[in-house]
Amino acid sequence: MFQDYPSCHLYGIEEIREDTASYLIEDGKQRIIFVAPKGIRYLASNDTKIQFHETIKEIEHRLNDPEVSLESFIVSNTSSATMSLQWNMAKPQMQQRNILFQEEDKDRYLAKMLNFEV
């Protein structure tokens, strides 16, 4: 089962302010994916929005529920080439931070979020 919801307030945790939450339920386990579509040109590489992929894992750890997995992605409309110059960081490093690129990854970014690599 796959459901999309607008911004949500999960388990009373204030840190979650992403634009979309998608819930994937498989074999009784919940996989909750927060997605923030945004331009990142004016964000620093250490901005809290860029680092949210780490924050969400800290929240997951605090929940201490093996049946719940939390993930966060940014889908950027700013190109990886632009960000590579700005952040002095290669695209694979940005992808490790769960940043996906709307135009250049348009055929595969959804599959990457859902762990269906193409």
C-alpha atoms as a PDB file:
ATOM      1  CA  MET A   1       0.000   0.000   0.000  1.00  0.00           C
ATOM      2  CA  PHE A   2       1.322   3.452  -0.893  1.00  0.00           C
ATOM      3  CA  GLN A   3      -0.272   6.675   0.320  1.00  0.00           C
ATOM      4  CA  ASP A   4       0.671  10.333  -0.069  1.00  0.00           C
ATOM      5  CA  TYR A   5      -0.159  12.980   2.512  1.00  0.00           C
ATOM      6  CA  PRO A   6       0.587  16.706   2.738  1.00  0.00           C
ATOM      7  CA  SER A   7       2.857  17.999   5.518  1.00  0.00           C
ATOM      8  CA  CYS A   8       2.259  16.016   8.651  1.00  0.00           C
ATOM      9  CA  HIS A   9       2.997  15.971  12.324  1.00  0.00           C
ATOM     10  CA  LEU A  10       4.406  12.513  12.986  1.00  0.00           C
ATOM     11  CA  TYR A  11       4.351  11.145  16.523  1.00  0.00           C
ATOM     12  CA  GLY A  12       4.299  14.701  17.884  1.00  0.00           C
ATOM     13  CA  ILE A  13       7.827  15.357  16.655  1.00  0.00           C
ATOM     14  CA  GLU A  14       8.299  19.017  15.737  1.00  0.00           C
ATOM     15  CA  GLU A  15      11.386  18.616  13.520  1.00  0.00           C
ATOM     16  CA  ILE A  16       9.458  17.157  10.584  1.00  0.00           C
ATOM     17  CA  ARG A  17       8.428  19.914   8.216  1.00  0.00           C
ATOM     18  CA  GLU A  18       8.855  18.392   4.776  1.00  0.00           C
ATOM     19  CA  ASP A  19       6.375  19.048   1.975  1.00  0.00           C
ATOM     20  CA  THR A  20       5.127  15.526   1.376  1.00  0.00           C
ATOM     21  CA  ALA A  21       5.062  12.356   3.414  1.00  0.00           C
ATOM     22  CA  SER A  22       4.622   9.071   1.589  1.00  0.00           C
ATOM     23  CA  TYR A  23       3.797   5.904   3.478  1.00  0.00           C
ATOM     24  CA  LEU A  24       4.729   2.530   2.123  1.00  0.00           C
ATOM     25  CA  ILE A  25       3.431  -0.422   4.105  1.00  0.00           C
ATOM     26  CA  GLU A  26       4.984  -3.808   3.376  1.00  0.00           C
ATOM     27  CA  ASP A  27       4.754  -6.956   5.439  1.00  0.00           C
ATOM     28  CA  GLY A  28       3.421  -4.978   8.397  1.00  0.00           C
ATOM     29  CA  LYS A  29       6.333  -2.528   8.376  1.00  0.00           C
ATOM     30  CA  GLN A  30       5.916   1.179   7.697  1.00  0.00           C
ATOM     31  CA  ARG A  31       8.348   3.056   5.511  1.00  0.00           C
ATOM     32  CA  ILE A  32       7.705   6.783   5.743  1.00  0.00           C
ATOM     33  CA  ILE A  33       9.452   8.942   3.168  1.00  0.00           C
ATOM     34  CA  PHE A  34       9.528  12.715   3.518  1.00  0.00           C
ATOM     35  CA  VAL A  35      10.083  14.571   0.269  1.00  0.00           C
ATOM     36  CA  ALA A  36      10.944  18.230  -0.123  1.00  0.00           C
ATOM     37  CA  PRO A  37      10.900  19.503  -3.703  1.00  0.00           C
ATOM     38  CA  LYS A  38      12.988  22.678  -3.712  1.00  0.00           C
ATOM     39  CA  GLY A  39      15.647  24.732  -5.370  1.00  0.00           C
ATOM     40  CA  ILE A  40      18.825  24.478  -3.340  1.00  0.00           C
ATOM     41  CA  ARG A  41      20.968  27.097  -5.094  1.00  0.00           C
ATOM     42  CA  TYR A  42      20.810  29.472  -2.120  1.00  0.00           C
ATOM     43  CA  LEU A  43      21.349  26.863   0.574  1.00  0.00           C
ATOM     44  CA  ALA A  44      24.701  26.025   2.137  1.00  0.00           C
ATOM     45  CA  SER A  45      25.759  22.391   2.145  1.00  0.00           C
ATOM     46  CA  ASN A  46      25.381  22.379   5.938  1.00  0.00           C
ATOM     47  CA  ASP A  47      21.902  23.950   5.941  1.00  0.00           C
ATOM     48  CA  THR A  48      19.427  22.120   8.172  1.00  0.00           C
ATOM     49  CA  LYS A  49      17.268  21.345   5.122  1.00  0.00           C
ATOM     50  CA  ILE A  50      20.224  19.647   3.440  1.00  0.00           C
ATOM     51  CA  GLN A  51      21.155  17.802   6.644  1.00  0.00           C
ATOM     52  CA  PHE A  52      17.601  16.620   7.331  1.00  0.00           C
ATOM     53  CA  HIS A  53      18.471  13.143   5.999  1.00  0.00           C
ATOM     54  CA  GLU A  54      20.572  12.758   9.172  1.00  0.00           C
ATOM     55  CA  THR A  55      18.002  14.373  11.469  1.00  0.00           C
ATOM     56  CA  ILE A  56      15.299  11.978  10.284  1.00  0.00           C
ATOM     57  CA  LYS A  57      17.501   9.005  11.205  1.00  0.00           C
ATOM     58  CA  GLU A  58      18.001  10.488  14.690  1.00  0.00           C
ATOM     59  CA  ILE A  59      14.209  10.752  14.990  1.00  0.00           C
ATOM     60  CA  GLU A  60      13.870   7.159  13.796  1.00  0.00           C
ATOM     61  CA  HIS A  61      16.325   6.086  16.483  1.00  0.00           C
ATOM     62  CA  ARG A  62      14.349   7.969  19.168  1.00  0.00           C
ATOM     63  CA  LEU A  63      11.138   6.266  18.048  1.00  0.00           C
ATOM     64  CA  ASN A  64      12.822   2.938  18.732  1.00  0.00           C
ATOM     65  CA  ASP A  65      10.249   1.050  16.661  1.00  0.00           C
ATOM     66  CA  PRO A  66      11.696  -1.648  14.377  1.00  0.00           C
ATOM     67  CA  GLU A  67       8.437  -1.598  12.399  1.00  0.00           C
ATOM     68  CA  VAL A  68       8.975   2.041  11.307  1.00  0.00           C
ATOM     69  CA  SER A  69      11.619   3.307   8.894  1.00  0.00           C
ATOM     70  CA  LEU A  70      12.005   7.063   8.256  1.00  0.00           C
ATOM     71  CA  GLU A  71      13.733   8.587   5.250  1.00  0.00           C
ATOM     72  CA  SER A  72      14.028  12.049   3.759  1.00  0.00           C
ATOM     73  CA  PHE A  73      14.841  13.263   0.258  1.00  0.00           C
ATOM     74  CA  ILE A  74      15.229  16.580  -1.492  1.00  0.00           C
ATOM     75  CA  VAL A  75      14.176  16.688  -5.124  1.00  0.00           C
ATOM     76  CA  SER A  76      16.108  19.657  -6.461  1.00  0.00           C
ATOM     77  CA  ASN A  77      15.242  21.717  -9.498  1.00  0.00           C
ATOM     78  CA  THR A  78      18.774  23.134  -9.319  1.00  0.00           C
ATOM     79  CA  SER A  79      21.210  21.071 -11.393  1.00  0.00           C
ATOM     80  CA  SER A  80      23.942  18.968  -9.844  1.00  0.00           C
ATOM     81  CA  ALA A  81      26.481  20.802 -12.044  1.00  0.00           C
ATOM     82  CA  THR A  82      25.497  24.126 -10.466  1.00  0.00           C
ATOM     83  CA  MET A  83      25.618  22.680  -6.976  1.00  0.00           C
ATOM     84  CA  SER A  84      28.900  20.896  -7.618  1.00  0.00           C
ATOM     85  CA  LEU A  85      30.526  24.249  -8.370  1.00  0.00           C
ATOM     86  CA  GLN A  86      28.868  25.968  -5.428  1.00  0.00           C
ATOM     87  CA  TRP A  87      29.526  23.281  -2.829  1.00  0.00           C
ATOM     88  CA  ASN A  88      32.722  21.811  -4.293  1.00  0.00           C
ATOM     89  CA  MET A  89      31.021  18.440  -4.057  1.00  0.00           C
ATOM     90  CA  ALA A  90      30.463  15.734  -6.685  1.00  0.00           C
ATOM     91  CA  LYS A  91      26.979  14.472  -7.517  1.00  0.00           C
ATOM     92  CA  PRO A  92      27.536  11.088  -5.767  1.00  0.00           C
ATOM     93  CA  GLN A  93      28.281  12.968  -2.521  1.00  0.00           C
ATOM     94  CA  MET A  94      25.042  14.929  -2.920  1.00  0.00           C
ATOM     95  CA  GLN A  95      23.156  11.702  -3.567  1.00  0.00           C
ATOM     96  CA  GLN A  96      24.574  10.308  -0.314  1.00  0.00           C
ATOM     97  CA  ARG A  97      22.714  13.196   1.343  1.00  0.00           C
ATOM     98  CA  ASN A  98      19.541  12.007  -0.411  1.00  0.00           C
ATOM     99  CA  ILE A  99      19.498  14.892  -2.862  1.00  0.00           C
ATOM    100  CA  LEU A 100      17.974  13.889  -6.179  1.00  0.00           C
ATOM    101  CA  PHE A 101      17.802  16.079  -9.268  1.00  0.00           C
ATOM    102  CA  GLN A 102      14.429  16.648 -10.862  1.00  0.00           C
ATOM    103  CA  GLU A 103      15.531  17.145 -14.458  1.00  0.00           C
ATOM    104  CA  GLU A 104      18.638  15.025 -14.823  1.00  0.00           C
ATOM    105  CA  ASP A 105      17.254  12.137 -12.733  1.00  0.00           C
ATOM    106  CA  LYS A 106      13.663  12.435 -13.982  1.00  0.00           C
ATOM    107  CA  ASP A 107      13.542   8.845 -15.203  1.00  0.00           C
ATOM    108  CA  ARG A 108      14.790   7.347 -11.948  1.00  0.00           C
ATOM    109  CA  TYR A 109      14.502   9.603  -8.893  1.00  0.00           C
ATOM    110  CA  LEU A 110      11.168   8.155  -7.785  1.00  0.00           C
ATOM    111  CA  ALA A 111      12.584   4.622  -8.059  1.00  0.00           C
ATOM    112  CA  LYS A 112      15.588   5.705  -5.980  1.00  0.00           C
ATOM    113  CA  MET A 113      13.338   7.080  -3.242  1.00  0.00           C
ATOM    114  CA  LEU A 114      11.392   3.837  -3.157  1.00  0.00           C
ATOM    115  CA  ASN A 115      14.581   1.719  -3.310  1.00  0.00           C
ATOM    116  CA  PHE A 116      13.678   0.353  -6.723  1.00  0.00           C
ATOM    117  CA  GLU A 117      16.992   1.226  -8.363  1.00  0.00           C
ATOM    118  CA  VAL A 118      16.933   1.464 -12.155  1.00  0.00           C
END
